[in-house]
Amino acid sequence: MEAKAQARYVRVTPLKARRVVNEIRNKNALEAADILRFAPQAVAKDIRKILMSAIANAKVKAENAGERFKEEDLYVVEAYVNEGPTMKRFRPRAQGRAAQILKRTSHITLVVGTKDDKGKEGR
């Protein structure tokens, strides 16, 4: 059984978020949560919240389907970061000029599932 959690418009550049997401891909979900808890990057806190939400979604999905649920069996099947809209701002510079500042956003998606799901779909 797979469950998905997504956070959109997170105020972090996709490059910085991808660096952290690549560390937890294909890992056990609880192990990934521990990695994120002690990661020095600021975005790790947001990604951990998304991961815990995906685990909770899996639990609810299993209860509704009447299946057994063990958090230890969950793995991070998919983890990716897409680029969101960029906010464009201007900052005054020397001699009356203006420089553009790009404030990037990200859409972070995590999918957790069991080992069986990972093998079935060929990921």
N, C-alpha and C. Protein backbone atom coordinates (compact mmCIF):
# COMPACT_ATOMS: atom_id res chain seq x y z
N MET A 1 0.84 -1.18 0.00
CA MET A 1 0.00 0.00 0.00
C MET A 1 0.88 1.24 0.00
N GLU A 2 0.57 2.16 -0.87
CA GLU A 2 1.33 3.40 -0.97
C GLU A 2 0.51 4.57 -0.45
N ALA A 3 1.20 5.54 0.10
CA ALA A 3 0.56 6.77 0.56
C ALA A 3 1.47 7.93 0.18
N LYS A 4 0.84 9.06 -0.12
CA LYS A 4 1.58 10.21 -0.63
C LYS A 4 1.30 11.44 0.23
N ALA A 5 2.31 12.28 0.35
CA ALA A 5 2.14 13.58 1.01
C ALA A 5 2.91 14.60 0.19
N GLN A 6 2.34 15.79 0.09
CA GLN A 6 2.94 16.81 -0.76
C GLN A 6 2.83 18.17 -0.07
N ALA A 7 3.90 18.94 -0.18
CA ALA A 7 3.88 20.32 0.31
C ALA A 7 4.19 21.21 -0.88
N ARG A 8 3.35 22.18 -1.10
CA ARG A 8 3.54 23.06 -2.25
C ARG A 8 3.91 24.46 -1.78
N TYR A 9 4.60 25.16 -2.63
CA TYR A 9 5.01 26.55 -2.39
C TYR A 9 5.90 26.69 -1.14
N VAL A 10 6.77 25.72 -0.90
CA VAL A 10 7.71 25.80 0.22
C VAL A 10 8.79 26.81 -0.17
N ARG A 11 9.06 27.77 0.71
CA ARG A 11 10.00 28.84 0.39
C ARG A 11 11.45 28.40 0.55
N VAL A 12 11.88 27.52 -0.31
CA VAL A 12 13.27 27.08 -0.36
C VAL A 12 13.59 26.78 -1.82
N THR A 13 14.83 26.99 -2.23
CA THR A 13 15.17 26.71 -3.62
C THR A 13 15.12 25.20 -3.86
N PRO A 14 14.69 24.78 -5.04
CA PRO A 14 14.62 23.35 -5.33
C PRO A 14 15.98 22.65 -5.21
N LEU A 15 17.04 23.35 -5.54
CA LEU A 15 18.38 22.75 -5.47
C LEU A 15 18.73 22.36 -4.03
N LYS A 16 18.42 23.24 -3.08
CA LYS A 16 18.70 22.97 -1.67
C LYS A 16 17.83 21.84 -1.15
N ALA A 17 16.57 21.81 -1.58
CA ALA A 17 15.65 20.76 -1.12
C ALA A 17 16.04 19.40 -1.72
N ARG A 18 16.46 19.38 -2.97
CA ARG A 18 16.84 18.12 -3.62
C ARG A 18 18.04 17.48 -2.92
N ARG A 19 18.95 18.32 -2.43
CA ARG A 19 20.12 17.81 -1.72
C ARG A 19 19.72 16.96 -0.53
N VAL A 20 18.69 17.39 0.19
CA VAL A 20 18.23 16.67 1.38
C VAL A 20 17.36 15.47 0.98
N VAL A 21 16.50 15.65 -0.01
CA VAL A 21 15.59 14.58 -0.44
C VAL A 21 16.38 13.39 -1.00
N ASN A 22 17.49 13.66 -1.67
CA ASN A 22 18.31 12.57 -2.23
C ASN A 22 18.89 11.68 -1.14
N GLU A 23 19.06 12.21 0.06
CA GLU A 23 19.61 11.44 1.17
C GLU A 23 18.63 10.39 1.70
N ILE A 24 17.33 10.62 1.56
CA ILE A 24 16.35 9.71 2.17
C ILE A 24 15.66 8.80 1.16
N ARG A 25 15.90 9.00 -0.12
CA ARG A 25 15.25 8.19 -1.15
C ARG A 25 15.63 6.71 -0.97
N ASN A 26 14.64 5.81 -1.06
CA ASN A 26 14.80 4.35 -0.96
C ASN A 26 15.26 3.87 0.42
N LYS A 27 15.08 4.68 1.45
CA LYS A 27 15.43 4.28 2.81
C LYS A 27 14.16 3.90 3.57
N ASN A 28 14.34 3.21 4.67
CA ASN A 28 13.23 2.91 5.57
C ASN A 28 12.67 4.23 6.08
N ALA A 29 11.35 4.34 6.18
CA ALA A 29 10.71 5.61 6.53
C ALA A 29 11.14 6.12 7.91
N LEU A 30 11.22 5.22 8.89
CA LEU A 30 11.61 5.65 10.23
C LEU A 30 13.09 6.04 10.28
N GLU A 31 13.92 5.33 9.51
CA GLU A 31 15.34 5.68 9.42
C GLU A 31 15.50 7.04 8.75
N ALA A 32 14.69 7.28 7.72
CA ALA A 32 14.73 8.56 7.01
C ALA A 32 14.32 9.70 7.95
N ALA A 33 13.33 9.46 8.81
CA ALA A 33 12.90 10.48 9.76
C ALA A 33 14.02 10.83 10.73
N ASP A 34 14.79 9.81 11.15
CA ASP A 34 15.92 10.06 12.04
C ASP A 34 17.02 10.85 11.33
N ILE A 35 17.27 10.51 10.07
CA ILE A 35 18.27 11.24 9.29
C ILE A 35 17.88 12.71 9.19
N LEU A 36 16.60 12.95 8.92
CA LEU A 36 16.13 14.33 8.77
C LEU A 36 16.15 15.09 10.09
N ARG A 37 15.91 14.39 11.18
CA ARG A 37 15.90 15.06 12.49
C ARG A 37 17.26 15.68 12.81
N PHE A 38 18.35 15.01 12.38
CA PHE A 38 19.68 15.48 12.72
C PHE A 38 20.41 16.13 11.55
N ALA A 39 19.73 16.34 10.44
CA ALA A 39 20.35 17.00 9.30
C ALA A 39 20.51 18.49 9.59
N PRO A 40 21.64 19.08 9.23
CA PRO A 40 21.87 20.50 9.55
C PRO A 40 21.10 21.47 8.67
N GLN A 41 20.61 21.03 7.52
CA GLN A 41 19.91 21.92 6.60
C GLN A 41 18.54 22.33 7.18
N ALA A 42 18.17 23.57 6.94
CA ALA A 42 16.91 24.10 7.47
C ALA A 42 15.70 23.41 6.83
N VAL A 43 15.80 23.04 5.57
CA VAL A 43 14.67 22.43 4.86
C VAL A 43 14.38 21.01 5.37
N ALA A 44 15.31 20.41 6.10
CA ALA A 44 15.12 19.05 6.62
C ALA A 44 13.90 19.00 7.55
N LYS A 45 13.65 20.09 8.26
CA LYS A 45 12.50 20.15 9.17
C LYS A 45 11.19 20.05 8.38
N ASP A 46 11.10 20.77 7.27
CA ASP A 46 9.90 20.73 6.42
C ASP A 46 9.73 19.35 5.78
N ILE A 47 10.82 18.78 5.31
CA ILE A 47 10.75 17.47 4.65
C ILE A 47 10.35 16.40 5.65
N ARG A 48 10.83 16.52 6.89
CA ARG A 48 10.45 15.55 7.92
C ARG A 48 8.94 15.64 8.21
N LYS A 49 8.40 16.85 8.23
CA LYS A 49 6.96 17.00 8.44
C LYS A 49 6.18 16.32 7.32
N ILE A 50 6.65 16.47 6.09
CA ILE A 50 6.00 15.84 4.95
C ILE A 50 6.08 14.33 5.06
N LEU A 51 7.24 13.82 5.47
CA LEU A 51 7.42 12.36 5.64
C LEU A 51 6.49 11.81 6.71
N MET A 52 6.39 12.50 7.84
CA MET A 52 5.50 12.03 8.90
C MET A 52 4.04 12.08 8.46
N SER A 53 3.69 13.05 7.64
CA SER A 53 2.34 13.14 7.09
C SER A 53 2.06 11.96 6.15
N ALA A 54 3.05 11.59 5.34
CA ALA A 54 2.89 10.45 4.43
C ALA A 54 2.72 9.15 5.22
N ILE A 55 3.45 9.01 6.32
CA ILE A 55 3.32 7.82 7.18
C ILE A 55 1.92 7.78 7.80
N ALA A 56 1.42 8.93 8.27
CA ALA A 56 0.07 9.00 8.84
C ALA A 56 -0.98 8.69 7.78
N ASN A 57 -0.76 9.18 6.55
CA ASN A 57 -1.69 8.88 5.46
C ASN A 57 -1.73 7.39 5.16
N ALA A 58 -0.57 6.72 5.23
CA ALA A 58 -0.50 5.28 5.01
C ALA A 58 -1.27 4.52 6.09
N LYS A 59 -1.15 5.01 7.32
CA LYS A 59 -1.86 4.37 8.44
C LYS A 59 -3.37 4.46 8.24
N VAL A 60 -3.85 5.66 7.89
CA VAL A 60 -5.29 5.85 7.67
C VAL A 60 -5.77 5.00 6.49
N LYS A 61 -4.98 4.96 5.44
CA LYS A 61 -5.34 4.18 4.25
C LYS A 61 -5.44 2.69 4.58
N ALA A 62 -4.51 2.20 5.40
CA ALA A 62 -4.52 0.79 5.80
C ALA A 62 -5.71 0.48 6.70
N GLU A 63 -6.02 1.39 7.62
CA GLU A 63 -7.17 1.17 8.51
C GLU A 63 -8.48 1.14 7.73
N ASN A 64 -8.60 2.03 6.75
CA ASN A 64 -9.83 2.06 5.94
C ASN A 64 -9.97 0.81 5.08
N ALA A 65 -8.84 0.25 4.65
CA ALA A 65 -8.88 -0.96 3.82
C ALA A 65 -8.93 -2.23 4.67
N GLY A 66 -8.77 -2.09 5.98
CA GLY A 66 -8.81 -3.24 6.88
C GLY A 66 -7.55 -4.08 6.82
N GLU A 67 -6.45 -3.50 6.43
CA GLU A 67 -5.18 -4.23 6.34
C GLU A 67 -4.35 -3.98 7.59
N ARG A 68 -3.35 -4.85 7.80
CA ARG A 68 -2.45 -4.65 8.95
C ARG A 68 -1.48 -3.53 8.59
N PHE A 69 -1.02 -2.82 9.62
CA PHE A 69 -0.12 -1.70 9.37
C PHE A 69 1.02 -1.72 10.36
N LYS A 70 2.25 -1.69 9.83
CA LYS A 70 3.44 -1.59 10.66
C LYS A 70 4.32 -0.51 10.05
N GLU A 71 4.65 0.50 10.86
CA GLU A 71 5.49 1.60 10.37
C GLU A 71 6.86 1.11 9.94
N GLU A 72 7.34 0.02 10.57
CA GLU A 72 8.68 -0.50 10.28
C GLU A 72 8.78 -1.03 8.84
N ASP A 73 7.64 -1.39 8.24
CA ASP A 73 7.65 -1.95 6.88
C ASP A 73 7.67 -0.88 5.80
N LEU A 74 7.46 0.39 6.17
CA LEU A 74 7.36 1.45 5.16
C LEU A 74 8.73 1.92 4.69
N TYR A 75 8.81 2.18 3.39
CA TYR A 75 10.01 2.72 2.76
C TYR A 75 9.64 3.97 1.98
N VAL A 76 10.61 4.83 1.75
CA VAL A 76 10.40 6.00 0.91
C VAL A 76 10.53 5.50 -0.53
N VAL A 77 9.39 5.28 -1.17
CA VAL A 77 9.37 4.72 -2.53
C VAL A 77 9.74 5.79 -3.55
N GLU A 78 9.17 6.96 -3.40
CA GLU A 78 9.43 8.08 -4.31
C GLU A 78 9.67 9.33 -3.48
N ALA A 79 10.60 10.15 -3.94
CA ALA A 79 10.85 11.43 -3.29
C ALA A 79 11.40 12.37 -4.35
N TYR A 80 10.68 13.44 -4.60
CA TYR A 80 11.16 14.38 -5.60
C TYR A 80 10.73 15.79 -5.27
N VAL A 81 11.47 16.74 -5.85
CA VAL A 81 11.23 18.17 -5.63
C VAL A 81 11.07 18.83 -6.99
N ASN A 82 9.95 19.46 -7.21
CA ASN A 82 9.70 20.21 -8.43
C ASN A 82 9.79 21.70 -8.13
N GLU A 83 10.07 22.46 -9.16
CA GLU A 83 10.18 23.91 -8.99
C GLU A 83 8.80 24.54 -8.97
N GLY A 84 8.57 25.41 -8.02
CA GLY A 84 7.32 26.16 -7.93
C GLY A 84 7.50 27.52 -8.59
N PRO A 85 6.54 28.40 -8.43
CA PRO A 85 6.67 29.73 -9.02
C PRO A 85 7.77 30.54 -8.32
N THR A 86 8.38 31.41 -9.08
CA THR A 86 9.44 32.27 -8.56
C THR A 86 8.90 33.67 -8.35
N MET A 87 9.10 34.20 -7.13
CA MET A 87 8.70 35.57 -6.85
C MET A 87 9.84 36.49 -7.26
N LYS A 88 9.53 37.52 -7.99
CA LYS A 88 10.56 38.44 -8.47
C LYS A 88 10.48 39.73 -7.67
N ARG A 89 11.60 40.10 -7.07
CA ARG A 89 11.69 41.31 -6.27
C ARG A 89 12.87 42.14 -6.78
N PHE A 90 12.89 43.42 -6.43
CA PHE A 90 13.97 44.30 -6.86
C PHE A 90 14.65 44.92 -5.66
N ARG A 91 15.95 45.08 -5.78
CA ARG A 91 16.76 45.67 -4.72
C ARG A 91 17.52 46.86 -5.31
N PRO A 92 17.51 47.98 -4.62
CA PRO A 92 18.25 49.14 -5.13
C PRO A 92 19.76 48.88 -5.14
N ARG A 93 20.41 49.34 -6.19
CA ARG A 93 21.86 49.20 -6.33
C ARG A 93 22.48 50.58 -6.55
N ALA A 94 23.75 50.60 -6.78
CA ALA A 94 24.49 51.85 -6.92
C ALA A 94 24.07 52.62 -8.18
N GLN A 95 24.17 53.93 -8.12
CA GLN A 95 23.93 54.84 -9.24
C GLN A 95 22.50 54.73 -9.79
N GLY A 96 21.53 54.49 -8.90
CA GLY A 96 20.13 54.49 -9.30
C GLY A 96 19.66 53.24 -10.03
N ARG A 97 20.49 52.25 -10.08
CA ARG A 97 20.09 51.00 -10.76
C ARG A 97 19.27 50.13 -9.82
N ALA A 98 18.68 49.07 -10.41
CA ALA A 98 17.95 48.09 -9.61
C ALA A 98 18.39 46.70 -10.05
N ALA A 99 18.53 45.80 -9.09
CA ALA A 99 18.91 44.42 -9.38
C ALA A 99 17.75 43.50 -9.01
N GLN A 100 17.54 42.51 -9.84
CA GLN A 100 16.43 41.59 -9.60
C GLN A 100 16.84 40.50 -8.60
N ILE A 101 15.96 40.22 -7.66
CA ILE A 101 16.14 39.14 -6.70
C ILE A 101 15.09 38.08 -7.02
N LEU A 102 15.52 36.81 -7.15
CA LEU A 102 14.60 35.72 -7.44
C LEU A 102 14.39 34.90 -6.17
N LYS A 103 13.15 34.90 -5.68
CA LYS A 103 12.82 34.12 -4.48
C LYS A 103 12.11 32.86 -4.96
N ARG A 104 12.83 31.77 -4.97
CA ARG A 104 12.32 30.53 -5.55
C ARG A 104 11.49 29.74 -4.54
N THR A 105 10.55 28.95 -5.07
CA THR A 105 9.73 28.07 -4.24
C THR A 105 9.81 26.66 -4.79
N SER A 106 9.39 25.68 -3.96
CA SER A 106 9.47 24.28 -4.33
C SER A 106 8.16 23.57 -4.02
N HIS A 107 7.90 22.52 -4.79
CA HIS A 107 6.82 21.58 -4.50
C HIS A 107 7.51 20.27 -4.14
N ILE A 108 7.37 19.83 -2.89
CA ILE A 108 8.05 18.61 -2.41
C ILE A 108 7.03 17.49 -2.28
N THR A 109 7.32 16.33 -2.88
CA THR A 109 6.42 15.19 -2.86
C THR A 109 7.16 13.96 -2.34
N LEU A 110 6.54 13.26 -1.38
CA LEU A 110 7.08 12.00 -0.85
C LEU A 110 6.02 10.93 -0.94
N VAL A 111 6.41 9.74 -1.39
CA VAL A 111 5.51 8.59 -1.45
C VAL A 111 6.14 7.48 -0.63
N VAL A 112 5.41 6.97 0.35
CA VAL A 112 5.89 5.85 1.15
C VAL A 112 5.06 4.62 0.83
N GLY A 113 5.70 3.47 0.93
CA GLY A 113 5.01 2.21 0.66
C GLY A 113 5.84 1.06 1.21
N THR A 114 5.33 -0.14 1.03
CA THR A 114 6.07 -1.32 1.49
C THR A 114 7.03 -1.77 0.40
N LYS A 115 7.91 -2.71 0.75
CA LYS A 115 8.87 -3.25 -0.21
C LYS A 115 8.16 -3.86 -1.41
N ASP A 116 7.01 -4.49 -1.18
CA ASP A 116 6.25 -5.13 -2.25
C ASP A 116 5.86 -4.13 -3.32
N ASP A 117 5.43 -2.94 -2.89
CA ASP A 117 5.02 -1.88 -3.83
C ASP A 117 6.18 -1.46 -4.70
N LYS A 118 7.36 -1.39 -4.10
CA LYS A 118 8.54 -0.93 -4.81
C LYS A 118 8.88 -1.91 -5.94
N GLY A 119 8.75 -3.20 -5.66
CA GLY A 119 9.07 -4.21 -6.67
C GLY A 119 8.02 -4.31 -7.75
N LYS A 120 6.74 -4.17 -7.41
CA LYS A 120 5.64 -4.30 -8.36
C LYS A 120 5.68 -3.27 -9.46
N GLU A 121 5.94 -2.04 -9.09
CA GLU A 121 5.83 -0.96 -10.05
C GLU A 121 7.14 -0.70 -10.79
N GLY A 122 8.19 -1.45 -10.44
CA GLY A 122 9.46 -1.33 -11.15
C GLY A 122 10.16 0.00 -10.96
N ARG A 123 10.11 0.53 -9.78
CA ARG A 123 10.75 1.83 -9.51
C ARG A 123 12.17 1.63 -9.07
